[in-house]
Protein backbone atom coordinates (compact mmCIF):
# COMPACT_ATOMS: atom_id res chain seq x y z
CA MET A 1 0.07 -0.07 -0.06
CA LYS A 2 2.94 2.29 0.88
CA HIS A 3 4.47 1.60 -2.44
CA LEU A 4 1.10 2.38 -4.39
CA MET A 5 0.84 5.50 -2.58
CA LEU A 6 4.45 6.62 -3.57
CA ALA A 7 3.75 5.69 -7.29
CA LEU A 8 0.57 7.62 -7.11
CA ALA A 9 2.34 10.84 -5.62
CA ALA A 10 5.15 10.43 -8.58
CA VAL A 11 2.61 10.27 -11.35
CA THR A 12 0.64 13.32 -9.90
CA LEU A 13 3.91 15.28 -9.48
CA ALA A 14 5.02 14.47 -13.03
CA ALA A 15 1.54 15.34 -14.52
CA CYS A 16 1.86 18.84 -12.87
CA ALA A 17 5.57 19.31 -14.40
CA THR A 18 4.52 18.68 -17.92
CA SER A 19 4.00 21.45 -20.21
CA PRO A 20 0.60 22.26 -21.90
CA ALA A 21 0.00 21.64 -25.52
CA TYR A 22 1.13 24.39 -27.75
CA GLY A 23 -1.40 27.13 -28.04
CA PRO A 24 -2.65 30.54 -26.89
CA ALA A 25 -2.38 31.22 -22.86
CA ALA A 26 -5.68 31.19 -21.37
CA LYS A 27 -5.01 34.21 -19.42
CA GLU A 28 -2.02 36.68 -18.53
CA GLY A 29 0.68 34.65 -17.02
CA ALA A 30 -0.72 31.08 -17.73
CA MET A 31 1.08 28.63 -20.01
CA GLY A 32 1.14 29.23 -23.60
CA TYR A 33 1.60 32.21 -26.08
CA ALA A 34 0.52 35.78 -26.33
CA SER A 35 1.16 38.17 -29.04
CA GLN A 36 0.55 42.04 -29.68
CA GLN A 37 0.99 44.00 -32.70
CA ILE A 38 2.77 47.18 -31.72
CA GLU A 39 2.88 49.09 -35.17
CA THR A 40 2.88 47.77 -38.72
CA GLY A 41 5.34 45.02 -39.07
CA ARG A 42 6.27 45.24 -35.28
CA TYR A 43 5.15 42.65 -32.66
CA ARG A 44 5.57 41.58 -29.19
CA VAL A 45 5.41 37.80 -28.79
CA SER A 46 5.78 35.98 -25.26
CA TYR A 47 5.75 32.15 -24.68
CA THR A 48 5.31 30.88 -20.97
CA ASP A 49 6.64 27.30 -20.09
CA ALA A 50 7.86 25.44 -17.49
CA ASP A 51 11.26 24.87 -19.50
CA ALA A 52 13.10 27.92 -20.24
CA GLY A 53 14.79 26.45 -23.42
CA LYS A 54 11.43 25.08 -24.53
CA GLY A 55 9.76 28.52 -23.75
CA ARG A 56 12.43 30.47 -25.91
CA ASN A 57 12.09 28.08 -28.99
CA LEU A 58 8.27 28.22 -28.85
CA ALA A 59 8.23 31.95 -28.77
CA LEU A 60 10.60 31.87 -31.69
CA LEU A 61 7.94 29.68 -33.44
CA ARG A 62 5.10 31.81 -32.72
CA ALA A 63 7.24 34.82 -34.09
CA ALA A 64 7.82 32.63 -37.34
CA GLU A 65 3.84 31.92 -37.50
CA ILE A 66 2.97 35.81 -37.16
CA THR A 67 5.76 36.53 -39.91
CA LEU A 68 4.07 34.05 -42.38
CA LEU A 69 0.51 35.31 -41.24
CA ASP A 70 1.89 38.71 -42.11
CA SER A 71 2.90 37.36 -45.62
CA LYS A 72 6.44 37.97 -44.82
CA ASP A 73 9.66 36.19 -45.05
CA TRP A 74 11.83 36.84 -42.15
CA PHE A 75 11.82 38.24 -38.76
CA GLU A 76 14.53 40.14 -36.71
CA VAL A 77 14.52 39.87 -32.90
CA THR A 78 15.16 43.41 -31.55
CA ALA A 79 14.63 43.06 -28.05
CA GLU A 80 14.15 39.79 -25.63
CA TYR A 81 14.18 39.06 -22.15
CA ALA A 82 12.96 36.39 -19.74
CA ASP A 83 11.18 36.35 -16.46
CA THR A 84 11.67 33.09 -14.59
CA THR A 85 9.58 32.31 -11.39
CA GLN A 86 10.51 29.72 -8.77
CA GLY A 87 8.25 29.11 -6.14
CA ARG A 88 6.82 26.68 -3.63
CA SER A 89 2.92 25.85 -3.23
CA GLY A 90 1.91 28.34 -0.24
CA GLY A 91 5.31 30.00 -0.17
CA SER A 92 7.26 33.02 -1.37
CA SER A 93 8.69 33.29 -4.75
CA ILE A 94 11.84 34.76 -6.40
CA SER A 95 11.68 36.10 -9.80
CA ILE A 96 14.92 36.72 -11.98
CA GLY A 97 14.80 38.41 -15.32
CA GLY A 98 17.32 39.63 -17.81
CA GLY A 99 17.20 40.80 -21.25
CA SER A 100 19.12 42.67 -24.09
CA GLY A 101 18.07 44.30 -27.06
CA SER A 102 19.08 46.39 -30.16
CA TYR A 103 17.81 48.27 -33.09
CA GLY A 104 19.89 50.02 -35.36
CA ARG A 105 22.67 51.71 -33.46
CA SER A 106 20.95 51.58 -29.98
CA SER A 107 21.33 48.66 -27.74
CA GLY A 108 20.56 47.89 -23.93
CA VAL A 109 21.01 45.25 -21.28
CA GLY A 110 18.87 44.76 -18.00
CA VAL A 111 18.70 42.52 -15.08
CA GLY A 112 16.00 42.45 -12.38
CA VAL A 113 15.42 40.24 -9.28
CA GLY A 114 12.34 40.49 -7.18
CA ILE A 115 10.70 38.48 -4.11
CA GLY A 116 7.02 38.15 -3.75
CA ILE A 117 4.68 36.74 -1.31
CA PRO A 118 1.55 34.97 -2.98
CA LEU A 119 -1.71 36.07 -0.88
CA GLY A 120 -3.55 33.36 -2.62
CA GLY A 121 -1.28 30.46 -2.62
CA GLY A 122 2.16 29.53 -4.36
CA SER A 123 3.10 29.39 -7.85
CA THR A 124 4.94 26.65 -9.65
CA GLY A 125 8.20 27.47 -11.57
CA LYS A 126 7.86 28.67 -15.11
CA THR A 127 9.65 31.16 -17.52
CA THR A 128 8.01 33.74 -19.80
CA VAL A 129 10.23 34.58 -22.83
CA VAL A 130 9.36 37.93 -24.24
CA LEU A 131 10.60 38.71 -27.84
CA GLU A 132 10.13 42.05 -29.76
CA ILE A 133 10.25 41.31 -33.36
CA VAL A 134 10.21 43.07 -36.81
CA THR A 135 8.89 41.33 -39.98
CA GLY A 136 10.38 41.83 -43.57
CA ALA A 137 9.85 40.77 -47.03
CA GLY A 138 12.69 39.50 -49.22
CA PRO A 139 16.26 38.14 -48.53
CA LYS A 140 16.91 37.67 -44.78
CA PRO A 141 19.25 40.10 -43.45
CA ASP A 142 22.88 39.03 -42.76
CA ASN A 143 22.48 39.52 -38.93
CA ALA A 144 22.49 36.81 -36.11
CA ALA A 145 19.24 38.31 -34.82
CA ALA A 146 17.40 37.65 -38.13
CA TYR A 147 15.44 34.44 -38.79
CA ASP A 148 13.84 32.73 -42.10
CA ALA A 149 10.33 32.42 -40.89
CA ARG A 150 9.75 29.30 -43.04
CA SER A 151 12.83 27.39 -41.53
CA VAL A 152 11.91 28.39 -37.95
CA ASP A 153 8.65 27.23 -38.39
CA MET A 154 9.79 23.86 -40.20
CA ASN A 155 12.39 23.26 -37.71
CA LEU A 156 10.55 23.90 -34.42
CA ARG A 157 7.14 22.64 -35.45
CA GLY A 158 8.46 19.35 -33.98
CA GLN A 159 8.40 20.59 -30.48
CA VAL A 160 4.73 21.21 -30.48
CA GLN A 161 2.79 18.52 -28.67
């Protein structure tokens, strides 16, 4: 009986740790993507996931989708940051965020740390990756921050559950 209870607890914990299927976030701060058009050809895309690396890849996938929906060929990440929250159920949480961005001749770097006490219970660990992108048509710029939208879509689509 004791082994059965331990196995049930392990399965329950594993179910809580898995990422939801790729799709829009049900509400602000929930797992999934959110996107907002800032101006013509400029968007802010975010993806929240339990795994920071997967969250970044899925934010890039969403950026590629938006670019293709905009009938464009490539996108350039002009700003990027991540907000990671680690917490215990019913306890306090610590958030660490950092980012960098550049556009033209301007660039910037930022880092922040925050401590919070949840009033309605605790939170689980998750990372929100935020990308600001500019979309374009024609040949992709020769820049490490520029991505071919079709290639990104094709290569990262396999991570979608």
